[in-house]
């Protein structure tokens, strides 16, 4: 039987994806000039809803997101497998394998 996929597993892949793409590591960060937390455009993060999880990417300064991997909110294992494939695709493209 396969090991259970945890929040920590998904967070680890998300952090890896943010580092790989040179994206911000957190979805919101405090901006001292504006004196408030601001959306970090480009950040990948995990969304939780409907009993499932989904990979989102911040796409504007108002906090809007796009769903990176189609299919909406899915079980953790399914998202983990999709994210891993997505990361391997990016790594292969950077290595010139594609």
PDB file of N, CA and C in Angstrom:
ATOM      1  N   UNK A   1       0.841  -1.183   0.000  1.00  0.00           N
ATOM      2  CA  UNK A   1       0.000   0.000   0.000  1.00  0.00           C
ATOM      3  C   UNK A   1       0.882   1.242   0.000  1.00  0.00           C
ATOM      4  N   UNK A   2       0.494   2.216  -0.776  1.00  0.00           N
ATOM      5  CA  UNK A   2       1.272   3.449  -0.912  1.00  0.00           C
ATOM      6  C   UNK A   2       1.168   4.303   0.355  1.00  0.00           C
ATOM      7  N   UNK A   3       2.215   5.068   0.609  1.00  0.00           N
ATOM      8  CA  UNK A   3       2.195   5.986   1.744  1.00  0.00           C
ATOM      9  C   UNK A   3       1.180   7.091   1.511  1.00  0.00           C
ATOM     10  N   UNK A   4       0.645   7.584   2.606  1.00  0.00           N
ATOM     11  CA  UNK A   4      -0.328   8.669   2.546  1.00  0.00           C
ATOM     12  C   UNK A   4       0.377   9.972   2.149  1.00  0.00           C
ATOM     13  N   UNK A   5      -0.247  10.749   1.286  1.00  0.00           N
ATOM     14  CA  UNK A   5       0.276  12.065   0.909  1.00  0.00           C
ATOM     15  C   UNK A   5      -0.227  13.074   1.937  1.00  0.00           C
ATOM     16  N   UNK A   6       0.693  13.848   2.494  1.00  0.00           N
ATOM     17  CA  UNK A   6       0.356  14.809   3.551  1.00  0.00           C
ATOM     18  C   UNK A   6       0.463  16.243   3.040  1.00  0.00           C
ATOM     19  N   UNK A   7       0.003  17.157   3.884  1.00  0.00           N
ATOM     20  CA  UNK A   7       0.153  18.580   3.583  1.00  0.00           C
ATOM     21  C   UNK A   7       1.625  18.926   3.377  1.00  0.00           C
ATOM     22  N   UNK A   8       2.467  18.328   4.202  1.00  0.00           N
ATOM     23  CA  UNK A   8       3.899  18.575   4.122  1.00  0.00           C
ATOM     24  C   UNK A   8       4.469  18.126   2.768  1.00  0.00           C
ATOM     25  N   UNK A   9       3.987  17.011   2.246  1.00  0.00           N
ATOM     26  CA  UNK A   9       4.435  16.536   0.936  1.00  0.00           C
ATOM     27  C   UNK A   9       4.066  17.539  -0.154  1.00  0.00           C
ATOM     28  N   UNK A  10       2.834  18.024  -0.113  1.00  0.00           N
ATOM     29  CA  UNK A  10       2.379  18.992  -1.120  1.00  0.00           C
ATOM     30  C   UNK A  10       3.125  20.315  -0.981  1.00  0.00           C
ATOM     31  N   UNK A  11       3.342  20.746   0.257  1.00  0.00           N
ATOM     32  CA  UNK A  11       4.085  21.993   0.501  1.00  0.00           C
ATOM     33  C   UNK A  11       5.510  21.878  -0.029  1.00  0.00           C
ATOM     34  N   UNK A  12       6.118  20.717   0.159  1.00  0.00           N
ATOM     35  CA  UNK A  12       7.478  20.503  -0.346  1.00  0.00           C
ATOM     36  C   UNK A  12       7.550  20.621  -1.857  1.00  0.00           C
ATOM     37  N   UNK A  13       6.583  20.032  -2.555  1.00  0.00           N
ATOM     38  CA  UNK A  13       6.567  20.151  -4.017  1.00  0.00           C
ATOM     39  C   UNK A  13       6.291  21.589  -4.450  1.00  0.00           C
ATOM     40  N   UNK A  14       5.413  22.248  -3.713  1.00  0.00           N
ATOM     41  CA  UNK A  14       5.087  23.641  -4.033  1.00  0.00           C
ATOM     42  C   UNK A  14       6.321  24.528  -3.858  1.00  0.00           C
ATOM     43  N   UNK A  15       7.058  24.336  -2.792  1.00  0.00           N
ATOM     44  CA  UNK A  15       8.287  25.097  -2.557  1.00  0.00           C
ATOM     45  C   UNK A  15       9.302  24.810  -3.665  1.00  0.00           C
ATOM     46  N   UNK A  16       9.406  23.546  -4.043  1.00  0.00           N
ATOM     47  CA  UNK A  16      10.325  23.167  -5.126  1.00  0.00           C
ATOM     48  C   UNK A  16       9.943  23.862  -6.427  1.00  0.00           C
ATOM     49  N   UNK A  17       8.652  23.915  -6.713  1.00  0.00           N
ATOM     50  CA  UNK A  17       8.164  24.572  -7.925  1.00  0.00           C
ATOM     51  C   UNK A  17       8.448  26.073  -7.892  1.00  0.00           C
ATOM     52  N   UNK A  18       8.241  26.711  -6.748  1.00  0.00           N
ATOM     53  CA  UNK A  18       8.528  28.143  -6.621  1.00  0.00           C
ATOM     54  C   UNK A  18      10.015  28.426  -6.808  1.00  0.00           C
ATOM     55  N   UNK A  19      10.887  27.582  -6.235  1.00  0.00           N
ATOM     56  CA  UNK A  19      12.330  27.775  -6.418  1.00  0.00           C
ATOM     57  C   UNK A  19      12.728  27.549  -7.877  1.00  0.00           C
ATOM     58  N   UNK A  20      12.183  26.510  -8.485  1.00  0.00           N
ATOM     59  CA  UNK A  20      12.504  26.154  -9.861  1.00  0.00           C
ATOM     60  C   UNK A  20      12.137  27.267 -10.840  1.00  0.00           C
ATOM     61  N   UNK A  21      11.043  27.963 -10.561  1.00  0.00           N
ATOM     62  CA  UNK A  21      10.553  29.016 -11.458  1.00  0.00           C
ATOM     63  C   UNK A  21      10.927  30.422 -10.986  1.00  0.00           C
ATOM     64  N   UNK A  22      11.749  30.497  -9.938  1.00  0.00           N
ATOM     65  CA  UNK A  22      12.141  31.792  -9.359  1.00  0.00           C
ATOM     66  C   UNK A  22      10.923  32.633  -8.989  1.00  0.00           C
ATOM     67  N   UNK A  23       9.928  31.979  -8.422  1.00  0.00           N
ATOM     68  CA  UNK A  23       8.690  32.638  -8.007  1.00  0.00           C
ATOM     69  C   UNK A  23       8.744  32.935  -6.513  1.00  0.00           C
ATOM     70  N   UNK A  24       7.948  33.903  -6.051  1.00  0.00           N
ATOM     71  CA  UNK A  24       7.907  34.188  -4.610  1.00  0.00           C
ATOM     72  C   UNK A  24       7.503  32.935  -3.828  1.00  0.00           C
ATOM     73  N   UNK A  25       8.061  32.776  -2.644  1.00  0.00           N
ATOM     74  CA  UNK A  25       7.825  31.573  -1.838  1.00  0.00           C
ATOM     75  C   UNK A  25       6.510  31.625  -1.051  1.00  0.00           C
ATOM     76  N   UNK A  26       5.935  32.813  -0.864  1.00  0.00           N
ATOM     77  CA  UNK A  26       4.679  32.946  -0.114  1.00  0.00           C
ATOM     78  C   UNK A  26       3.664  33.706  -0.954  1.00  0.00           C
ATOM     79  N   UNK A  27       2.367  33.412  -0.778  1.00  0.00           N
ATOM     80  CA  UNK A  27       1.348  34.094  -1.582  1.00  0.00           C
ATOM     81  C   UNK A  27       1.167  35.577  -1.230  1.00  0.00           C
ATOM     82  N   UNK A  28       1.372  35.910   0.033  1.00  0.00           N
ATOM     83  CA  UNK A  28       1.229  37.306   0.477  1.00  0.00           C
ATOM     84  C   UNK A  28       2.429  37.682   1.335  1.00  0.00           C
ATOM     85  N   UNK A  29       2.910  38.908   1.165  1.00  0.00           N
ATOM     86  CA  UNK A  29       4.021  39.414   1.973  1.00  0.00           C
ATOM     87  C   UNK A  29       3.707  40.858   2.369  1.00  0.00           C
ATOM     88  N   UNK A  30       4.214  41.250   3.521  1.00  0.00           N
ATOM     89  CA  UNK A  30       3.972  42.609   4.019  1.00  0.00           C
ATOM     90  C   UNK A  30       4.802  43.615   3.231  1.00  0.00           C
ATOM     91  N   UNK A  31       4.127  44.647   2.748  1.00  0.00           N
ATOM     92  CA  UNK A  31       4.783  45.743   2.031  1.00  0.00           C
ATOM     93  C   UNK A  31       4.791  46.957   2.961  1.00  0.00           C
ATOM     94  N   UNK A  32       5.965  47.334   3.492  1.00  0.00           N
ATOM     95  CA  UNK A  32       6.009  48.450   4.438  1.00  0.00           C
ATOM     96  C   UNK A  32       5.620  49.791   3.809  1.00  0.00           C
ATOM     97  N   UNK A  33       5.822  49.949   2.527  1.00  0.00           N
ATOM     98  CA  UNK A  33       5.450  51.198   1.857  1.00  0.00           C
ATOM     99  C   UNK A  33       3.931  51.355   1.837  1.00  0.00           C
ATOM    100  N   UNK A  34       3.233  50.273   1.506  1.00  0.00           N
ATOM    101  CA  UNK A  34       1.765  50.304   1.460  1.00  0.00           C
ATOM    102  C   UNK A  34       1.148  50.017   2.823  1.00  0.00           C
ATOM    103  N   UNK A  35       1.981  49.550   3.783  1.00  0.00           N
ATOM    104  CA  UNK A  35       1.549  49.208   5.136  1.00  0.00           C
ATOM    105  C   UNK A  35       0.442  48.154   5.141  1.00  0.00           C
ATOM    106  N   UNK A  36       0.591  47.161   4.261  1.00  0.00           N
ATOM    107  CA  UNK A  36      -0.365  46.061   4.227  1.00  0.00           C
ATOM    108  C   UNK A  36       0.267  44.852   3.532  1.00  0.00           C
ATOM    109  N   UNK A  37      -0.391  43.712   3.661  1.00  0.00           N
ATOM    110  CA  UNK A  37       0.057  42.505   2.962  1.00  0.00           C
ATOM    111  C   UNK A  37      -0.393  42.588   1.505  1.00  0.00           C
ATOM    112  N   UNK A  38       0.494  42.240   0.598  1.00  0.00           N
ATOM    113  CA  UNK A  38       0.204  42.313  -0.828  1.00  0.00           C
ATOM    114  C   UNK A  38       0.427  40.961  -1.488  1.00  0.00           C
ATOM    115  N   UNK A  39      -0.369  40.698  -2.506  1.00  0.00           N
ATOM    116  CA  UNK A  39      -0.245  39.452  -3.261  1.00  0.00           C
ATOM    117  C   UNK A  39       1.108  39.410  -3.960  1.00  0.00           C
ATOM    118  N   UNK A  40       1.720  38.237  -3.963  1.00  0.00           N
ATOM    119  CA  UNK A  40       3.014  38.025  -4.603  1.00  0.00           C
ATOM    120  C   UNK A  40       2.779  37.324  -5.945  1.00  0.00           C
ATOM    121  N   UNK A  41       2.712  38.119  -7.003  1.00  0.00           N
ATOM    122  CA  UNK A  41       2.388  37.592  -8.326  1.00  0.00           C
ATOM    123  C   UNK A  41       3.414  36.535  -8.736  1.00  0.00           C
ATOM    124  N   UNK A  42       2.894  35.404  -9.223  1.00  0.00           N
ATOM    125  CA  UNK A  42       3.734  34.310  -9.666  1.00  0.00           C
ATOM    126  C   UNK A  42       3.845  33.178  -8.661  1.00  0.00           C
ATOM    127  N   UNK A  43       3.474  33.423  -7.394  1.00  0.00           N
ATOM    128  CA  UNK A  43       3.591  32.399  -6.359  1.00  0.00           C
ATOM    129  C   UNK A  43       2.656  31.225  -6.622  1.00  0.00           C
ATOM    130  N   UNK A  44       3.206  30.015  -6.513  1.00  0.00           N
ATOM    131  CA  UNK A  44       2.407  28.792  -6.548  1.00  0.00           C
ATOM    132  C   UNK A  44       2.041  28.437  -5.116  1.00  0.00           C
ATOM    133  N   UNK A  45       0.803  28.053  -4.881  1.00  0.00           N
ATOM    134  CA  UNK A  45       0.376  27.643  -3.546  1.00  0.00           C
ATOM    135  C   UNK A  45      -0.785  26.660  -3.653  1.00  0.00           C
ATOM    136  N   UNK A  46      -1.056  25.974  -2.554  1.00  0.00           N
ATOM    137  CA  UNK A  46      -2.100  24.954  -2.517  1.00  0.00           C
ATOM    138  C   UNK A  46      -3.393  25.571  -1.994  1.00  0.00           C
ATOM    139  N   UNK A  47      -4.476  25.317  -2.714  1.00  0.00           N
ATOM    140  CA  UNK A  47      -5.816  25.748  -2.309  1.00  0.00           C
ATOM    141  C   UNK A  47      -6.564  24.533  -1.765  1.00  0.00           C
ATOM    142  N   UNK A  48      -7.372  24.752  -0.745  1.00  0.00           N
ATOM    143  CA  UNK A  48      -8.182  23.683  -0.154  1.00  0.00           C
ATOM    144  C   UNK A  48      -9.655  24.064  -0.270  1.00  0.00           C
ATOM    145  N   UNK A  49     -10.456  23.194  -0.858  1.00  0.00           N
ATOM    146  CA  UNK A  49     -11.900  23.414  -0.947  1.00  0.00           C
ATOM    147  C   UNK A  49     -12.578  22.122  -1.382  1.00  0.00           C
ATOM    148  N   UNK A  50     -13.844  21.991  -1.016  1.00  0.00           N
ATOM    149  CA  UNK A  50     -14.663  20.859  -1.466  1.00  0.00           C
ATOM    150  C   UNK A  50     -14.068  19.506  -1.083  1.00  0.00           C
ATOM    151  N   UNK A  51     -13.279  19.463  -0.030  1.00  0.00           N
ATOM    152  CA  UNK A  51     -12.667  18.221   0.413  1.00  0.00           C
ATOM    153  C   UNK A  51     -11.451  17.815  -0.392  1.00  0.00           C
ATOM    154  N   UNK A  52     -10.951  18.700  -1.249  1.00  0.00           N
ATOM    155  CA  UNK A  52      -9.787  18.385  -2.073  1.00  0.00           C
ATOM    156  C   UNK A  52      -8.774  19.513  -2.067  1.00  0.00           C
ATOM    157  N   UNK A  53      -7.764  19.373  -2.904  1.00  0.00           N
ATOM    158  CA  UNK A  53      -6.694  20.360  -3.015  1.00  0.00           C
ATOM    159  C   UNK A  53      -6.461  20.691  -4.486  1.00  0.00           C
ATOM    160  N   UNK A  54      -5.880  21.871  -4.715  1.00  0.00           N
ATOM    161  CA  UNK A  54      -5.651  22.337  -6.077  1.00  0.00           C
ATOM    162  C   UNK A  54      -4.404  23.231  -6.079  1.00  0.00           C
ATOM    163  N   UNK A  55      -3.644  23.187  -7.162  1.00  0.00           N
ATOM    164  CA  UNK A  55      -2.487  24.065  -7.296  1.00  0.00           C
ATOM    165  C   UNK A  55      -2.933  25.359  -7.953  1.00  0.00           C
ATOM    166  N   UNK A  56      -2.701  26.477  -7.261  1.00  0.00           N
ATOM    167  CA  UNK A  56      -3.033  27.804  -7.788  1.00  0.00           C
ATOM    168  C   UNK A  56      -1.758  28.609  -7.981  1.00  0.00           C
ATOM    169  N   UNK A  57      -1.829  29.579  -8.890  1.00  0.00           N
ATOM    170  CA  UNK A  57      -0.733  30.529  -9.073  1.00  0.00           C
ATOM    171  C   UNK A  57      -1.312  31.928  -9.025  1.00  0.00           C
ATOM    172  N   UNK A  58      -0.712  32.773  -8.187  1.00  0.00           N
ATOM    173  CA  UNK A  58      -1.157  34.156  -8.051  1.00  0.00           C
ATOM    174  C   UNK A  58      -0.935  34.866  -9.379  1.00  0.00           C
ATOM    175  N   UNK A  59      -1.978  35.519  -9.901  1.00  0.00           N
ATOM    176  CA  UNK A  59      -1.834  36.124 -11.229  1.00  0.00           C
ATOM    177  C   UNK A  59      -2.050  37.629 -11.256  1.00  0.00           C
ATOM    178  N   UNK A  60      -2.488  38.234 -10.163  1.00  0.00           N
ATOM    179  CA  UNK A  60      -2.573  39.700 -10.150  1.00  0.00           C
ATOM    180  C   UNK A  60      -2.430  40.230  -8.729  1.00  0.00           C
ATOM    181  N   UNK A  61      -2.239  41.539  -8.621  1.00  0.00           N
ATOM    182  CA  UNK A  61      -1.981  42.121  -7.303  1.00  0.00           C
ATOM    183  C   UNK A  61      -3.224  42.203  -6.428  1.00  0.00           C
ATOM    184  N   UNK A  62      -4.377  41.860  -6.978  1.00  0.00           N
ATOM    185  CA  UNK A  62      -5.605  41.822  -6.197  1.00  0.00           C
ATOM    186  C   UNK A  62      -5.844  40.469  -5.540  1.00  0.00           C
ATOM    187  N   UNK A  63      -4.940  39.525  -5.756  1.00  0.00           N
ATOM    188  CA  UNK A  63      -5.073  38.206  -5.149  1.00  0.00           C
ATOM    189  C   UNK A  63      -5.754  37.189  -6.050  1.00  0.00           C
ATOM    190  N   UNK A  64      -5.981  37.545  -7.302  1.00  0.00           N
ATOM    191  CA  UNK A  64      -6.582  36.603  -8.244  1.00  0.00           C
ATOM    192  C   UNK A  64      -5.632  35.457  -8.539  1.00  0.00           C
ATOM    193  N   UNK A  65      -6.185  34.287  -8.769  1.00  0.00           N
ATOM    194  CA  UNK A  65      -5.375  33.105  -9.040  1.00  0.00           C
ATOM    195  C   UNK A  65      -5.842  32.414 -10.306  1.00  0.00           C
ATOM    196  N   UNK A  66      -4.952  31.605 -10.850  1.00  0.00           N
ATOM    197  CA  UNK A  66      -5.327  30.721 -11.950  1.00  0.00           C
ATOM    198  C   UNK A  66      -5.080  29.292 -11.506  1.00  0.00           C
ATOM    199  N   UNK A  67      -5.899  28.378 -11.996  1.00  0.00           N
ATOM    200  CA  UNK A  67      -5.711  26.960 -11.723  1.00  0.00           C
ATOM    201  C   UNK A  67      -4.688  26.451 -12.720  1.00  0.00           C
ATOM    202  N   UNK A  68      -3.560  25.992 -12.227  1.00  0.00           N
ATOM    203  CA  UNK A  68      -2.441  25.590 -13.075  1.00  0.00           C
ATOM    204  C   UNK A  68      -2.703  24.247 -13.745  1.00  0.00           C
ATOM    205  N   UNK A  69      -3.140  23.283 -12.969  1.00  0.00           N
ATOM    206  CA  UNK A  69      -3.395  21.929 -13.475  1.00  0.00           C
ATOM    207  C   UNK A  69      -4.909  21.737 -13.525  1.00  0.00           C
ATOM    208  N   UNK A  70      -5.434  21.498 -14.680  1.00  0.00           N
ATOM    209  CA  UNK A  70      -6.881  21.401 -14.835  1.00  0.00           C
ATOM    210  C   UNK A  70      -7.448  20.257 -13.992  1.00  0.00           C
ATOM    211  N   UNK A  71      -8.711  20.372 -13.662  1.00  0.00           N
ATOM    212  CA  UNK A  71      -9.375  19.322 -12.905  1.00  0.00           C
ATOM    213  C   UNK A  71      -9.954  19.789 -11.585  1.00  0.00           C
ATOM    214  N   UNK A  72      -9.664  21.024 -11.196  1.00  0.00           N
ATOM    215  CA  UNK A  72     -10.212  21.546  -9.954  1.00  0.00           C
ATOM    216  C   UNK A  72      -9.599  20.910  -8.721  1.00  0.00           C
ATOM    217  N   UNK A  73     -10.365  20.876  -7.647  1.00  0.00           N
ATOM    218  CA  UNK A  73      -9.895  20.334  -6.375  1.00  0.00           C
ATOM    219  C   UNK A  73     -10.037  18.813  -6.395  1.00  0.00           C
ATOM    220  N   UNK A  74      -8.936  18.151  -6.161  1.00  0.00           N
ATOM    221  CA  UNK A  74      -8.851  16.689  -6.277  1.00  0.00           C
ATOM    222  C   UNK A  74      -8.224  16.120  -5.003  1.00  0.00           C
ATOM    223  N   UNK A  75      -8.220  14.798  -4.837  1.00  0.00           N
ATOM    224  CA  UNK A  75      -7.545  14.203  -3.676  1.00  0.00           C
ATOM    225  C   UNK A  75      -6.041  14.533  -3.674  1.00  0.00           C
ATOM    226  N   UNK A  76      -5.444  14.536  -2.504  1.00  0.00           N
ATOM    227  CA  UNK A  76      -4.030  14.909  -2.350  1.00  0.00           C
ATOM    228  C   UNK A  76      -3.097  14.069  -3.216  1.00  0.00           C
ATOM    229  N   UNK A  77      -3.311  12.771  -3.272  1.00  0.00           N
ATOM    230  CA  UNK A  77      -2.426  11.908  -4.071  1.00  0.00           C
ATOM    231  C   UNK A  77      -2.477  12.300  -5.544  1.00  0.00           C
ATOM    232  N   UNK A  78      -3.662  12.568  -6.054  1.00  0.00           N
ATOM    233  CA  UNK A  78      -3.796  12.947  -7.461  1.00  0.00           C
ATOM    234  C   UNK A  78      -3.070  14.261  -7.745  1.00  0.00           C
ATOM    235  N   UNK A  79      -3.228  15.234  -6.853  1.00  0.00           N
ATOM    236  CA  UNK A  79      -2.526  16.505  -7.049  1.00  0.00           C
ATOM    237  C   UNK A  79      -1.020  16.299  -6.960  1.00  0.00           C
ATOM    238  N   UNK A  80      -0.566  15.501  -6.001  1.00  0.00           N
ATOM    239  CA  UNK A  80       0.859  15.240  -5.849  1.00  0.00           C
ATOM    240  C   UNK A  80       1.440  14.668  -7.138  1.00  0.00           C
ATOM    241  N   UNK A  81       0.776  13.706  -7.725  1.00  0.00           N
ATOM    242  CA  UNK A  81       1.258  13.084  -8.965  1.00  0.00           C
ATOM    243  C   UNK A  81       1.272  14.077 -10.125  1.00  0.00           C
ATOM    244  N   UNK A  82       0.239  14.910 -10.219  1.00  0.00           N
ATOM    245  CA  UNK A  82       0.189  15.929 -11.285  1.00  0.00           C
ATOM    246  C   UNK A  82       1.298  16.969 -11.104  1.00  0.00           C
ATOM    247  N   UNK A  83       1.486  17.415  -9.865  1.00  0.00           N
ATOM    248  CA  UNK A  83       2.522  18.409  -9.596  1.00  0.00           C
ATOM    249  C   UNK A  83       3.906  17.849  -9.895  1.00  0.00           C
ATOM    250  N   UNK A  84       4.137  16.588  -9.529  1.00  0.00           N
ATOM    251  CA  UNK A  84       5.432  15.976  -9.779  1.00  0.00           C
ATOM    252  C   UNK A  84       5.700  15.915 -11.283  1.00  0.00           C
ATOM    253  N   UNK A  85       4.692  15.522 -12.056  1.00  0.00           N
ATOM    254  CA  UNK A  85       4.842  15.466 -13.514  1.00  0.00           C
ATOM    255  C   UNK A  85       5.088  16.868 -14.086  1.00  0.00           C
ATOM    256  N   UNK A  86       4.396  17.860 -13.563  1.00  0.00           N
ATOM    257  CA  UNK A  86       4.556  19.242 -14.007  1.00  0.00           C
ATOM    258  C   UNK A  86       5.992  19.722 -13.749  1.00  0.00           C
ATOM    259  N   UNK A  87       6.493  19.443 -12.561  1.00  0.00           N
ATOM    260  CA  UNK A  87       7.861  19.824 -12.195  1.00  0.00           C
ATOM    261  C   UNK A  87       8.876  19.125 -13.087  1.00  0.00           C
ATOM    262  N   UNK A  88       8.698  17.829 -13.300  1.00  0.00           N
ATOM    263  CA  UNK A  88       9.620  17.081 -14.168  1.00  0.00           C
ATOM    264  C   UNK A  88       9.601  17.644 -15.588  1.00  0.00           C
ATOM    265  N   UNK A  89       8.447  18.078 -16.055  1.00  0.00           N
ATOM    266  CA  UNK A  89       8.363  18.689 -17.380  1.00  0.00           C
ATOM    267  C   UNK A  89       9.149  19.988 -17.450  1.00  0.00           C
ATOM    268  N   UNK A  90       9.028  20.817 -16.430  1.00  0.00           N
ATOM    269  CA  UNK A  90       9.779  22.078 -16.387  1.00  0.00           C
ATOM    270  C   UNK A  90      11.273  21.790 -16.330  1.00  0.00           C
ATOM    271  N   UNK A  91      11.670  20.838 -15.485  1.00  0.00           N
ATOM    272  CA  UNK A  91      13.090  20.484 -15.379  1.00  0.00           C
ATOM    273  C   UNK A  91      13.629  19.940 -16.692  1.00  0.00           C
ATOM    274  N   UNK A  92      12.863  19.117 -17.371  1.00  0.00           N
ATOM    275  CA  UNK A  92      13.298  18.572 -18.660  1.00  0.00           C
ATOM    276  C   UNK A  92      13.453  19.671 -19.693  1.00  0.00           C
ATOM    277  N   UNK A  93      12.519  20.620 -19.696  1.00  0.00           N
ATOM    278  CA  UNK A  93      12.613  21.734 -20.637  1.00  0.00           C
ATOM    279  C   UNK A  93      13.861  22.582 -20.362  1.00  0.00           C
ATOM    280  N   UNK A  94      14.147  22.806 -19.076  1.00  0.00           N
ATOM    281  CA  UNK A  94      15.345  23.589 -18.730  1.00  0.00           C
ATOM    282  C   UNK A  94      16.639  22.869 -19.090  1.00  0.00           C
ATOM    283  N   UNK A  95      16.606  21.517 -19.024  1.00  0.00           N
ATOM    284  CA  UNK A  95      17.769  20.723 -19.373  1.00  0.00           C
ATOM    285  C   UNK A  95      17.924  20.545 -20.879  1.00  0.00           C
ATOM    286  N   UNK A  96      16.940  20.993 -21.636  1.00  0.00           N
ATOM    287  CA  UNK A  96      16.997  20.855 -23.080  1.00  0.00           C
ATOM    288  C   UNK A  96      16.571  19.489 -23.565  1.00  0.00           C
ATOM    289  N   UNK A  97      15.931  18.701 -22.691  1.00  0.00           N
ATOM    290  CA  UNK A  97      15.516  17.354 -23.074  1.00  0.00           C
ATOM    291  C   UNK A  97      14.248  17.361 -23.913  1.00  0.00           C
ATOM    292  N   UNK A  98      13.543  18.470 -23.922  1.00  0.00           N
ATOM    293  CA  UNK A  98      12.302  18.538 -24.719  1.00  0.00           C
ATOM    294  C   UNK A  98      12.518  19.290 -25.996  1.00  0.00           C
TER     295      UNK A  98
END
